[in-house]
């Protein structure tokens, strides 16, 4: 009877270990999925930033070609709006990077 009891205990221990490993693997998969989603979001933010930089540059060059002064270009309402959008996107990107670092550090 002792042998049978040891086998049952070993089997229970093995099942508990398997469950723990499964839970750990599932948690890791969720973390990786979340990081992948965040990397995709970061790429979208980077593309939006790139587009805004392009828009600012095109606006500034267009204004310069029309003879506007550098001072007027710097104070142009449209350029100002685009710069504020850049700042907001950079802040979003920074927060996203902090969240990604937090997830990585938990691992």
PDB file of N, CA and C in Angstrom:
ATOM      1  N   UNK A   1       0.812  -1.186   0.000  1.00  0.00           N
ATOM      2  CA  UNK A   1       0.000   0.000   0.000  1.00  0.00           C
ATOM      3  C   UNK A   1       0.862   1.260   0.000  1.00  0.00           C
ATOM      4  N   UNK A   2       2.012   1.238   0.610  1.00  0.00           N
ATOM      5  CA  UNK A   2       2.903   2.389   0.654  1.00  0.00           C
ATOM      6  C   UNK A   2       3.349   2.809  -0.736  1.00  0.00           C
ATOM      7  N   UNK A   3       3.614   1.838  -1.593  1.00  0.00           N
ATOM      8  CA  UNK A   3       4.043   2.128  -2.962  1.00  0.00           C
ATOM      9  C   UNK A   3       2.922   2.815  -3.732  1.00  0.00           C
ATOM     10  N   UNK A   4       1.730   2.340  -3.581  1.00  0.00           N
ATOM     11  CA  UNK A   4       0.579   2.932  -4.259  1.00  0.00           C
ATOM     12  C   UNK A   4       0.348   4.373  -3.780  1.00  0.00           C
ATOM     13  N   UNK A   5       0.497   4.594  -2.492  1.00  0.00           N
ATOM     14  CA  UNK A   5       0.322   5.935  -1.941  1.00  0.00           C
ATOM     15  C   UNK A   5       1.393   6.885  -2.466  1.00  0.00           C
ATOM     16  N   UNK A   6       2.646   6.415  -2.553  1.00  0.00           N
ATOM     17  CA  UNK A   6       3.723   7.239  -3.085  1.00  0.00           C
ATOM     18  C   UNK A   6       3.481   7.590  -4.549  1.00  0.00           C
ATOM     19  N   UNK A   7       2.983   6.622  -5.306  1.00  0.00           N
ATOM     20  CA  UNK A   7       2.671   6.878  -6.716  1.00  0.00           C
ATOM     21  C   UNK A   7       1.576   7.939  -6.847  1.00  0.00           C
ATOM     22  N   UNK A   8       0.552   7.835  -5.988  1.00  0.00           N
ATOM     23  CA  UNK A   8      -0.525   8.823  -6.018  1.00  0.00           C
ATOM     24  C   UNK A   8       0.012  10.214  -5.667  1.00  0.00           C
ATOM     25  N   UNK A   9       0.868  10.268  -4.633  1.00  0.00           N
ATOM     26  CA  UNK A   9       1.443  11.555  -4.230  1.00  0.00           C
ATOM     27  C   UNK A   9       2.327  12.134  -5.328  1.00  0.00           C
ATOM     28  N   UNK A  10       3.134  11.286  -5.946  1.00  0.00           N
ATOM     29  CA  UNK A  10       3.992  11.735  -7.036  1.00  0.00           C
ATOM     30  C   UNK A  10       3.156  12.233  -8.217  1.00  0.00           C
ATOM     31  N   UNK A  11       2.092  11.519  -8.503  1.00  0.00           N
ATOM     32  CA  UNK A  11       1.206  11.924  -9.590  1.00  0.00           C
ATOM     33  C   UNK A  11       0.562  13.278  -9.286  1.00  0.00           C
ATOM     34  N   UNK A  12       0.096  13.469  -8.060  1.00  0.00           N
ATOM     35  CA  UNK A  12      -0.494  14.758  -7.662  1.00  0.00           C
ATOM     36  C   UNK A  12       0.535  15.884  -7.761  1.00  0.00           C
ATOM     37  N   UNK A  13       1.746  15.615  -7.304  1.00  0.00           N
ATOM     38  CA  UNK A  13       2.806  16.607  -7.378  1.00  0.00           C
ATOM     39  C   UNK A  13       3.133  16.948  -8.830  1.00  0.00           C
ATOM     40  N   UNK A  14       3.190  15.928  -9.661  1.00  0.00           N
ATOM     41  CA  UNK A  14       3.461  16.143 -11.082  1.00  0.00           C
ATOM     42  C   UNK A  14       2.372  16.960 -11.749  1.00  0.00           C
ATOM     43  N   UNK A  15       1.135  16.683 -11.431  1.00  0.00           N
ATOM     44  CA  UNK A  15       0.010  17.433 -12.001  1.00  0.00           C
ATOM     45  C   UNK A  15       0.047  18.881 -11.520  1.00  0.00           C
ATOM     46  N   UNK A  16       0.341  19.088 -10.238  1.00  0.00           N
ATOM     47  CA  UNK A  16       0.426  20.451  -9.710  1.00  0.00           C
ATOM     48  C   UNK A  16       1.552  21.221 -10.397  1.00  0.00           C
ATOM     49  N   UNK A  17       2.681  20.561 -10.614  1.00  0.00           N
ATOM     50  CA  UNK A  17       3.804  21.204 -11.296  1.00  0.00           C
ATOM     51  C   UNK A  17       3.436  21.531 -12.731  1.00  0.00           C
ATOM     52  N   UNK A  18       2.763  20.628 -13.388  1.00  0.00           N
ATOM     53  CA  UNK A  18       2.316  20.853 -14.759  1.00  0.00           C
ATOM     54  C   UNK A  18       1.357  22.037 -14.834  1.00  0.00           C
ATOM     55  N   UNK A  19       0.430  22.113 -13.899  1.00  0.00           N
ATOM     56  CA  UNK A  19      -0.513  23.233 -13.870  1.00  0.00           C
ATOM     57  C   UNK A  19       0.221  24.553 -13.664  1.00  0.00           C
ATOM     58  N   UNK A  20       1.174  24.554 -12.752  1.00  0.00           N
ATOM     59  CA  UNK A  20       1.938  25.765 -12.491  1.00  0.00           C
ATOM     60  C   UNK A  20       2.718  26.189 -13.736  1.00  0.00           C
ATOM     61  N   UNK A  21       3.313  25.224 -14.420  1.00  0.00           N
ATOM     62  CA  UNK A  21       4.044  25.528 -15.644  1.00  0.00           C
ATOM     63  C   UNK A  21       3.124  26.055 -16.728  1.00  0.00           C
ATOM     64  N   UNK A  22       1.937  25.494 -16.811  1.00  0.00           N
ATOM     65  CA  UNK A  22       0.964  25.938 -17.803  1.00  0.00           C
ATOM     66  C   UNK A  22       0.516  27.368 -17.512  1.00  0.00           C
ATOM     67  N   UNK A  23       0.262  27.659 -16.247  1.00  0.00           N
ATOM     68  CA  UNK A  23      -0.135  29.011 -15.856  1.00  0.00           C
ATOM     69  C   UNK A  23       0.992  29.994 -16.177  1.00  0.00           C
ATOM     70  N   UNK A  24       2.223  29.608 -15.884  1.00  0.00           N
ATOM     71  CA  UNK A  24       3.376  30.469 -16.171  1.00  0.00           C
ATOM     72  C   UNK A  24       3.506  30.706 -17.680  1.00  0.00           C
ATOM     73  N   UNK A  25       3.367  29.654 -18.471  1.00  0.00           N
ATOM     74  CA  UNK A  25       3.481  29.782 -19.930  1.00  0.00           C
ATOM     75  C   UNK A  25       2.355  30.657 -20.489  1.00  0.00           C
ATOM     76  N   UNK A  26       1.163  30.490 -19.961  1.00  0.00           N
ATOM     77  CA  UNK A  26       0.033  31.298 -20.425  1.00  0.00           C
ATOM     78  C   UNK A  26       0.248  32.771 -20.066  1.00  0.00           C
ATOM     79  N   UNK A  27       0.739  33.026 -18.875  1.00  0.00           N
ATOM     80  CA  UNK A  27       1.022  34.397 -18.459  1.00  0.00           C
ATOM     81  C   UNK A  27       2.087  35.024 -19.334  1.00  0.00           C
ATOM     82  N   UNK A  28       3.113  34.257 -19.645  1.00  0.00           N
ATOM     83  CA  UNK A  28       4.201  34.734 -20.510  1.00  0.00           C
ATOM     84  C   UNK A  28       3.674  35.038 -21.916  1.00  0.00           C
ATOM     85  N   UNK A  29       2.801  34.183 -22.414  1.00  0.00           N
ATOM     86  CA  UNK A  29       2.217  34.397 -23.741  1.00  0.00           C
ATOM     87  C   UNK A  29       1.382  35.679 -23.759  1.00  0.00           C
ATOM     88  N   UNK A  30       0.644  35.925 -22.689  1.00  0.00           N
ATOM     89  CA  UNK A  30      -0.149  37.159 -22.609  1.00  0.00           C
ATOM     90  C   UNK A  30       0.757  38.392 -22.575  1.00  0.00           C
ATOM     91  N   UNK A  31       1.856  38.303 -21.826  1.00  0.00           N
ATOM     92  CA  UNK A  31       2.808  39.418 -21.773  1.00  0.00           C
ATOM     93  C   UNK A  31       3.401  39.691 -23.157  1.00  0.00           C
ATOM     94  N   UNK A  32       3.791  38.632 -23.848  1.00  0.00           N
ATOM     95  CA  UNK A  32       4.378  38.794 -25.178  1.00  0.00           C
ATOM     96  C   UNK A  32       3.362  39.364 -26.165  1.00  0.00           C
ATOM     97  N   UNK A  33       2.117  38.930 -26.048  1.00  0.00           N
ATOM     98  CA  UNK A  33       1.059  39.453 -26.914  1.00  0.00           C
ATOM     99  C   UNK A  33       0.853  40.939 -26.648  1.00  0.00           C
ATOM    100  N   UNK A  34       0.853  41.318 -25.383  1.00  0.00           N
ATOM    101  CA  UNK A  34       0.689  42.722 -25.025  1.00  0.00           C
ATOM    102  C   UNK A  34       1.870  43.555 -25.530  1.00  0.00           C
ATOM    103  N   UNK A  35       3.081  43.034 -25.401  1.00  0.00           N
ATOM    104  CA  UNK A  35       4.252  43.744 -25.916  1.00  0.00           C
ATOM    105  C   UNK A  35       4.186  43.901 -27.428  1.00  0.00           C
ATOM    106  N   UNK A  36       3.726  42.878 -28.115  1.00  0.00           N
ATOM    107  CA  UNK A  36       3.582  42.952 -29.567  1.00  0.00           C
ATOM    108  C   UNK A  36       2.570  44.027 -29.951  1.00  0.00           C
ATOM    109  N   UNK A  37       1.462  44.081 -29.238  1.00  0.00           N
ATOM    110  CA  UNK A  37       0.443  45.101 -29.496  1.00  0.00           C
ATOM    111  C   UNK A  37       1.025  46.499 -29.262  1.00  0.00           C
ATOM    112  N   UNK A  38       1.804  46.623 -28.203  1.00  0.00           N
ATOM    113  CA  UNK A  38       2.403  47.916 -27.884  1.00  0.00           C
ATOM    114  C   UNK A  38       3.452  48.323 -28.914  1.00  0.00           C
ATOM    115  N   UNK A  39       4.224  47.368 -29.408  1.00  0.00           N
ATOM    116  CA  UNK A  39       5.206  47.686 -30.448  1.00  0.00           C
ATOM    117  C   UNK A  39       4.507  48.163 -31.716  1.00  0.00           C
ATOM    118  N   UNK A  40       3.388  47.541 -32.044  1.00  0.00           N
ATOM    119  CA  UNK A  40       2.609  47.974 -33.203  1.00  0.00           C
ATOM    120  C   UNK A  40       2.092  49.397 -32.997  1.00  0.00           C
ATOM    121  N   UNK A  41       1.611  49.669 -31.800  1.00  0.00           N
ATOM    122  CA  UNK A  41       1.134  51.017 -31.493  1.00  0.00           C
ATOM    123  C   UNK A  41       2.282  52.028 -31.571  1.00  0.00           C
ATOM    124  N   UNK A  42       3.461  51.634 -31.102  1.00  0.00           N
ATOM    125  CA  UNK A  42       4.638  52.518 -31.164  1.00  0.00           C
ATOM    126  C   UNK A  42       4.999  52.816 -32.617  1.00  0.00           C
ATOM    127  N   UNK A  43       4.915  51.815 -33.468  1.00  0.00           N
ATOM    128  CA  UNK A  43       5.207  52.040 -34.889  1.00  0.00           C
ATOM    129  C   UNK A  43       4.212  53.006 -35.515  1.00  0.00           C
ATOM    130  N   UNK A  44       2.949  52.883 -35.112  1.00  0.00           N
ATOM    131  CA  UNK A  44       1.937  53.810 -35.626  1.00  0.00           C
ATOM    132  C   UNK A  44       2.224  55.235 -35.160  1.00  0.00           C
ATOM    133  N   UNK A  45       2.621  55.376 -33.903  1.00  0.00           N
ATOM    134  CA  UNK A  45       2.967  56.700 -33.396  1.00  0.00           C
ATOM    135  C   UNK A  45       4.182  57.261 -34.134  1.00  0.00           C
ATOM    136  N   UNK A  46       5.161  56.401 -34.382  1.00  0.00           N
ATOM    137  CA  UNK A  46       6.348  56.837 -35.124  1.00  0.00           C
ATOM    138  C   UNK A  46       5.977  57.305 -36.528  1.00  0.00           C
ATOM    139  N   UNK A  47       5.070  56.607 -37.171  1.00  0.00           N
ATOM    140  CA  UNK A  47       4.633  56.998 -38.516  1.00  0.00           C
ATOM    141  C   UNK A  47       3.893  58.334 -38.469  1.00  0.00           C
ATOM    142  N   UNK A  48       3.045  58.502 -37.457  1.00  0.00           N
ATOM    143  CA  UNK A  48       2.331  59.770 -37.314  1.00  0.00           C
ATOM    144  C   UNK A  48       3.308  60.916 -37.074  1.00  0.00           C
ATOM    145  N   UNK A  49       4.326  60.665 -36.246  1.00  0.00           N
ATOM    146  CA  UNK A  49       5.348  61.687 -36.009  1.00  0.00           C
ATOM    147  C   UNK A  49       6.072  62.037 -37.299  1.00  0.00           C
ATOM    148  N   UNK A  50       6.425  61.021 -38.045  1.00  0.00           N
ATOM    149  CA  UNK A  50       7.113  61.245 -39.319  1.00  0.00           C
ATOM    150  C   UNK A  50       6.255  62.088 -40.258  1.00  0.00           C
ATOM    151  N   UNK A  51       4.979  61.767 -40.317  1.00  0.00           N
ATOM    152  CA  UNK A  51       4.058  62.532 -41.168  1.00  0.00           C
ATOM    153  C   UNK A  51       3.963  63.990 -40.717  1.00  0.00           C
ATOM    154  N   UNK A  52       3.903  64.193 -39.403  1.00  0.00           N
ATOM    155  CA  UNK A  52       3.817  65.563 -38.884  1.00  0.00           C
ATOM    156  C   UNK A  52       5.089  66.347 -39.183  1.00  0.00           C
ATOM    157  N   UNK A  53       6.249  65.704 -38.995  1.00  0.00           N
ATOM    158  CA  UNK A  53       7.515  66.381 -39.318  1.00  0.00           C
ATOM    159  C   UNK A  53       7.537  66.786 -40.790  1.00  0.00           C
ATOM    160  N   UNK A  54       7.058  65.894 -41.634  1.00  0.00           N
ATOM    161  CA  UNK A  54       7.002  66.187 -43.069  1.00  0.00           C
ATOM    162  C   UNK A  54       6.077  67.377 -43.330  1.00  0.00           C
ATOM    163  N   UNK A  55       4.915  67.373 -42.691  1.00  0.00           N
ATOM    164  CA  UNK A  55       3.958  68.468 -42.874  1.00  0.00           C
ATOM    165  C   UNK A  55       4.540  69.804 -42.400  1.00  0.00           C
ATOM    166  N   UNK A  56       5.234  69.775 -41.263  1.00  0.00           N
ATOM    167  CA  UNK A  56       5.849  71.002 -40.754  1.00  0.00           C
ATOM    168  C   UNK A  56       6.896  71.503 -41.743  1.00  0.00           C
ATOM    169  N   UNK A  57       7.735  70.597 -42.205  1.00  0.00           N
ATOM    170  CA  UNK A  57       8.779  70.979 -43.157  1.00  0.00           C
ATOM    171  C   UNK A  57       8.209  71.527 -44.453  1.00  0.00           C
ATOM    172  N   UNK A  58       7.203  70.858 -44.993  1.00  0.00           N
ATOM    173  CA  UNK A  58       6.585  71.328 -46.233  1.00  0.00           C
ATOM    174  C   UNK A  58       5.957  72.710 -46.038  1.00  0.00           C
ATOM    175  N   UNK A  59       5.300  72.885 -44.898  1.00  0.00           N
ATOM    176  CA  UNK A  59       4.662  74.186 -44.619  1.00  0.00           C
ATOM    177  C   UNK A  59       5.727  75.278 -44.520  1.00  0.00           C
ATOM    178  N   UNK A  60       6.803  74.998 -43.798  1.00  0.00           N
ATOM    179  CA  UNK A  60       7.865  75.994 -43.625  1.00  0.00           C
ATOM    180  C   UNK A  60       8.533  76.330 -44.959  1.00  0.00           C
ATOM    181  N   UNK A  61       8.822  75.328 -45.768  1.00  0.00           N
ATOM    182  CA  UNK A  61       9.458  75.571 -47.067  1.00  0.00           C
ATOM    183  C   UNK A  61       8.515  76.354 -47.975  1.00  0.00           C
ATOM    184  N   UNK A  62       7.248  75.983 -47.976  1.00  0.00           N
ATOM    185  CA  UNK A  62       6.265  76.693 -48.799  1.00  0.00           C
ATOM    186  C   UNK A  62       6.175  78.163 -48.389  1.00  0.00           C
ATOM    187  N   UNK A  63       6.146  78.397 -47.091  1.00  0.00           N
ATOM    188  CA  UNK A  63       6.070  79.775 -46.614  1.00  0.00           C
ATOM    189  C   UNK A  63       7.345  80.553 -46.976  1.00  0.00           C
ATOM    190  N   UNK A  64       8.491  79.913 -46.848  1.00  0.00           N
ATOM    191  CA  UNK A  64       9.765  80.555 -47.178  1.00  0.00           C
ATOM    192  C   UNK A  64       9.814  80.894 -48.665  1.00  0.00           C
ATOM    193  N   UNK A  65       9.326  79.971 -49.502  1.00  0.00           N
ATOM    194  CA  UNK A  65       9.306  80.219 -50.950  1.00  0.00           C
ATOM    195  C   UNK A  65       8.375  81.372 -51.320  1.00  0.00           C
ATOM    196  N   UNK A  66       7.365  81.611 -50.499  1.00  0.00           N
ATOM    197  CA  UNK A  66       6.453  82.735 -50.739  1.00  0.00           C
ATOM    198  C   UNK A  66       7.011  84.040 -50.189  1.00  0.00           C
ATOM    199  N   UNK A  67       8.206  83.945 -49.568  1.00  0.00           N
ATOM    200  CA  UNK A  67       8.850  85.157 -49.078  1.00  0.00           C
ATOM    201  C   UNK A  67       8.584  85.479 -47.623  1.00  0.00           C
ATOM    202  N   UNK A  68       7.978  84.563 -46.907  1.00  0.00           N
ATOM    203  CA  UNK A  68       7.719  84.801 -45.483  1.00  0.00           C
ATOM    204  C   UNK A  68       9.039  84.818 -44.715  1.00  0.00           C
ATOM    205  N   UNK A  69       9.086  85.602 -43.660  1.00  0.00           N
ATOM    206  CA  UNK A  69      10.288  85.661 -42.822  1.00  0.00           C
ATOM    207  C   UNK A  69      10.314  84.462 -41.882  1.00  0.00           C
ATOM    208  N   UNK A  70      11.496  84.166 -41.396  1.00  0.00           N
ATOM    209  CA  UNK A  70      11.641  83.052 -40.455  1.00  0.00           C
ATOM    210  C   UNK A  70      10.795  83.293 -39.204  1.00  0.00           C
ATOM    211  N   UNK A  71      10.749  84.531 -38.770  1.00  0.00           N
ATOM    212  CA  UNK A  71       9.950  84.885 -37.590  1.00  0.00           C
ATOM    213  C   UNK A  71       8.467  84.582 -37.823  1.00  0.00           C
ATOM    214  N   UNK A  72       7.986  84.922 -39.009  1.00  0.00           N
ATOM    215  CA  UNK A  72       6.575  84.667 -39.327  1.00  0.00           C
ATOM    216  C   UNK A  72       6.302  83.166 -39.423  1.00  0.00           C
ATOM    217  N   UNK A  73       7.249  82.420 -39.962  1.00  0.00           N
ATOM    218  CA  UNK A  73       7.097  80.960 -40.068  1.00  0.00           C
ATOM    219  C   UNK A  73       7.003  80.345 -38.680  1.00  0.00           C
ATOM    220  N   UNK A  74       7.858  80.809 -37.765  1.00  0.00           N
ATOM    221  CA  UNK A  74       7.855  80.275 -36.398  1.00  0.00           C
ATOM    222  C   UNK A  74       6.559  80.569 -35.656  1.00  0.00           C
ATOM    223  N   UNK A  75       5.911  81.666 -35.997  1.00  0.00           N
ATOM    224  CA  UNK A  75       4.685  82.059 -35.312  1.00  0.00           C
ATOM    225  C   UNK A  75       3.430  81.720 -36.105  1.00  0.00           C
ATOM    226  N   UNK A  76       3.576  80.979 -37.174  1.00  0.00           N
ATOM    227  CA  UNK A  76       2.435  80.563 -37.990  1.00  0.00           C
ATOM    228  C   UNK A  76       1.520  79.655 -37.171  1.00  0.00           C
ATOM    229  N   UNK A  77       0.212  79.936 -37.133  1.00  0.00           N
ATOM    230  CA  UNK A  77      -0.717  79.121 -36.342  1.00  0.00           C
ATOM    231  C   UNK A  77      -0.725  77.638 -36.762  1.00  0.00           C
ATOM    232  N   UNK A  78      -0.630  77.381 -38.047  1.00  0.00           N
ATOM    233  CA  UNK A  78      -0.640  75.987 -38.520  1.00  0.00           C
ATOM    234  C   UNK A  78       0.621  75.255 -38.070  1.00  0.00           C
ATOM    235  N   UNK A  79       1.768  75.909 -38.173  1.00  0.00           N
ATOM    236  CA  UNK A  79       3.016  75.300 -37.707  1.00  0.00           C
ATOM    237  C   UNK A  79       2.920  75.049 -36.206  1.00  0.00           C
ATOM    238  N   UNK A  80       2.384  76.004 -35.477  1.00  0.00           N
ATOM    239  CA  UNK A  80       2.217  75.848 -34.027  1.00  0.00           C
ATOM    240  C   UNK A  80       1.327  74.671 -33.680  1.00  0.00           C
ATOM    241  N   UNK A  81       0.232  74.524 -34.421  1.00  0.00           N
ATOM    242  CA  UNK A  81      -0.687  73.397 -34.176  1.00  0.00           C
ATOM    243  C   UNK A  81       0.016  72.074 -34.429  1.00  0.00           C
ATOM    244  N   UNK A  82       0.760  72.005 -35.528  1.00  0.00           N
ATOM    245  CA  UNK A  82       1.476  70.774 -35.856  1.00  0.00           C
ATOM    246  C   UNK A  82       2.545  70.444 -34.804  1.00  0.00           C
ATOM    247  N   UNK A  83       3.218  71.462 -34.322  1.00  0.00           N
ATOM    248  CA  UNK A  83       4.236  71.246 -33.285  1.00  0.00           C
ATOM    249  C   UNK A  83       3.584  70.729 -32.004  1.00  0.00           C
ATOM    250  N   UNK A  84       2.426  71.257 -31.644  1.00  0.00           N
ATOM    251  CA  UNK A  84       1.713  70.761 -30.450  1.00  0.00           C
ATOM    252  C   UNK A  84       1.310  69.299 -30.633  1.00  0.00           C
ATOM    253  N   UNK A  85       0.904  68.937 -31.832  1.00  0.00           N
ATOM    254  CA  UNK A  85       0.574  67.537 -32.112  1.00  0.00           C
ATOM    255  C   UNK A  85       1.807  66.658 -31.956  1.00  0.00           C
ATOM    256  N   UNK A  86       2.949  67.138 -32.439  1.00  0.00           N
ATOM    257  CA  UNK A  86       4.204  66.391 -32.289  1.00  0.00           C
ATOM    258  C   UNK A  86       4.496  66.180 -30.810  1.00  0.00           C
ATOM    259  N   UNK A  87       4.364  67.225 -30.023  1.00  0.00           N
ATOM    260  CA  UNK A  87       4.645  67.118 -28.590  1.00  0.00           C
ATOM    261  C   UNK A  87       3.707  66.121 -27.915  1.00  0.00           C
ATOM    262  N   UNK A  88       2.438  66.137 -28.290  1.00  0.00           N
ATOM    263  CA  UNK A  88       1.473  65.204 -27.707  1.00  0.00           C
ATOM    264  C   UNK A  88       1.814  63.761 -28.091  1.00  0.00           C
ATOM    265  N   UNK A  89       2.180  63.547 -29.344  1.00  0.00           N
ATOM    266  CA  UNK A  89       2.539  62.197 -29.780  1.00  0.00           C
ATOM    267  C   UNK A  89       3.821  61.711 -29.102  1.00  0.00           C
ATOM    268  N   UNK A  90       4.769  62.607 -28.933  1.00  0.00           N
ATOM    269  CA  UNK A  90       6.006  62.228 -28.243  1.00  0.00           C
ATOM    270  C   UNK A  90       5.717  61.820 -26.802  1.00  0.00           C
ATOM    271  N   UNK A  91       4.819  62.536 -26.160  1.00  0.00           N
ATOM    272  CA  UNK A  91       4.443  62.194 -24.788  1.00  0.00           C
ATOM    273  C   UNK A  91       3.746  60.829 -24.750  1.00  0.00           C
ATOM    274  N   UNK A  92       2.874  60.578 -25.700  1.00  0.00           N
ATOM    275  CA  UNK A  92       2.210  59.274 -25.781  1.00  0.00           C
ATOM    276  C   UNK A  92       3.228  58.165 -25.996  1.00  0.00           C
ATOM    277  N   UNK A  93       4.189  58.414 -26.857  1.00  0.00           N
ATOM    278  CA  UNK A  93       5.247  57.431 -27.151  1.00  0.00           C
ATOM    279  C   UNK A  93       6.078  57.142 -25.906  1.00  0.00           C
ATOM    280  N   UNK A  94       6.367  58.196 -25.164  1.00  0.00           N
ATOM    281  CA  UNK A  94       7.156  58.065 -23.939  1.00  0.00           C
ATOM    282  C   UNK A  94       6.411  57.204 -22.907  1.00  0.00           C
ATOM    283  N   UNK A  95       5.115  57.451 -22.749  1.00  0.00           N
ATOM    284  CA  UNK A  95       4.296  56.664 -21.813  1.00  0.00           C
ATOM    285  C   UNK A  95       4.235  55.210 -22.254  1.00  0.00           C
ATOM    286  N   UNK A  96       4.090  54.998 -23.537  1.00  0.00           N
ATOM    287  CA  UNK A  96       4.034  53.642 -24.071  1.00  0.00           C
ATOM    288  C   UNK A  96       5.341  52.901 -23.811  1.00  0.00           C
ATOM    289  N   UNK A  97       6.458  53.576 -24.020  1.00  0.00           N
ATOM    290  CA  UNK A  97       7.764  52.962 -23.753  1.00  0.00           C
ATOM    291  C   UNK A  97       7.907  52.600 -22.273  1.00  0.00           C
ATOM    292  N   UNK A  98       7.410  53.471 -21.391  1.00  0.00           N
ATOM    293  CA  UNK A  98       7.471  53.195 -19.954  1.00  0.00           C
ATOM    294  C   UNK A  98       6.634  51.961 -19.610  1.00  0.00           C
ATOM    295  N   UNK A  99       5.469  51.838 -20.205  1.00  0.00           N
ATOM    296  CA  UNK A  99       4.620  50.662 -19.981  1.00  0.00           C
ATOM    297  C   UNK A  99       5.308  49.396 -20.485  1.00  0.00           C
ATOM    298  N   UNK A 100       5.954  49.497 -21.651  1.00  0.00           N
ATOM    299  CA  UNK A 100       6.654  48.342 -22.210  1.00  0.00           C
ATOM    300  C   UNK A 100       7.822  47.938 -21.307  1.00  0.00           C
ATOM    301  N   UNK A 101       8.546  48.912 -20.798  1.00  0.00           N
ATOM    302  CA  UNK A 101       9.648  48.620 -19.877  1.00  0.00           C
ATOM    303  C   UNK A 101       9.149  47.954 -18.605  1.00  0.00           C
ATOM    304  N   UNK A 102       8.009  48.413 -18.133  1.00  0.00           N
ATOM    305  CA  UNK A 102       7.407  47.835 -16.931  1.00  0.00           C
ATOM    306  C   UNK A 102       7.069  46.361 -17.153  1.00  0.00           C
ATOM    307  N   UNK A 103       6.486  46.052 -18.284  1.00  0.00           N
ATOM    308  CA  UNK A 103       6.143  44.658 -18.598  1.00  0.00           C
ATOM    309  C   UNK A 103       7.399  43.826 -18.720  1.00  0.00           C
ATOM    310  N   UNK A 104       8.413  44.358 -19.391  1.00  0.00           N
ATOM    311  CA  UNK A 104       9.683  43.617 -19.551  1.00  0.00           C
ATOM    312  C   UNK A 104      10.351  43.356 -18.213  1.00  0.00           C
ATOM    313  N   UNK A 105      10.282  44.326 -17.307  1.00  0.00           N
ATOM    314  CA  UNK A 105      10.940  44.178 -16.011  1.00  0.00           C
ATOM    315  C   UNK A 105      10.219  43.195 -15.095  1.00  0.00           C
ATOM    316  N   UNK A 106       8.947  42.953 -15.359  1.00  0.00           N
ATOM    317  CA  UNK A 106       8.200  41.975 -14.566  1.00  0.00           C
ATOM    318  C   UNK A 106       8.628  40.554 -14.898  1.00  0.00           C
ATOM    319  N   UNK A 107       9.197  40.384 -16.072  1.00  0.00           N
ATOM    320  CA  UNK A 107       9.557  39.039 -16.519  1.00  0.00           C
ATOM    321  C   UNK A 107      10.760  38.602 -15.817  1.00  0.00           C
TER     322      UNK A 107
END
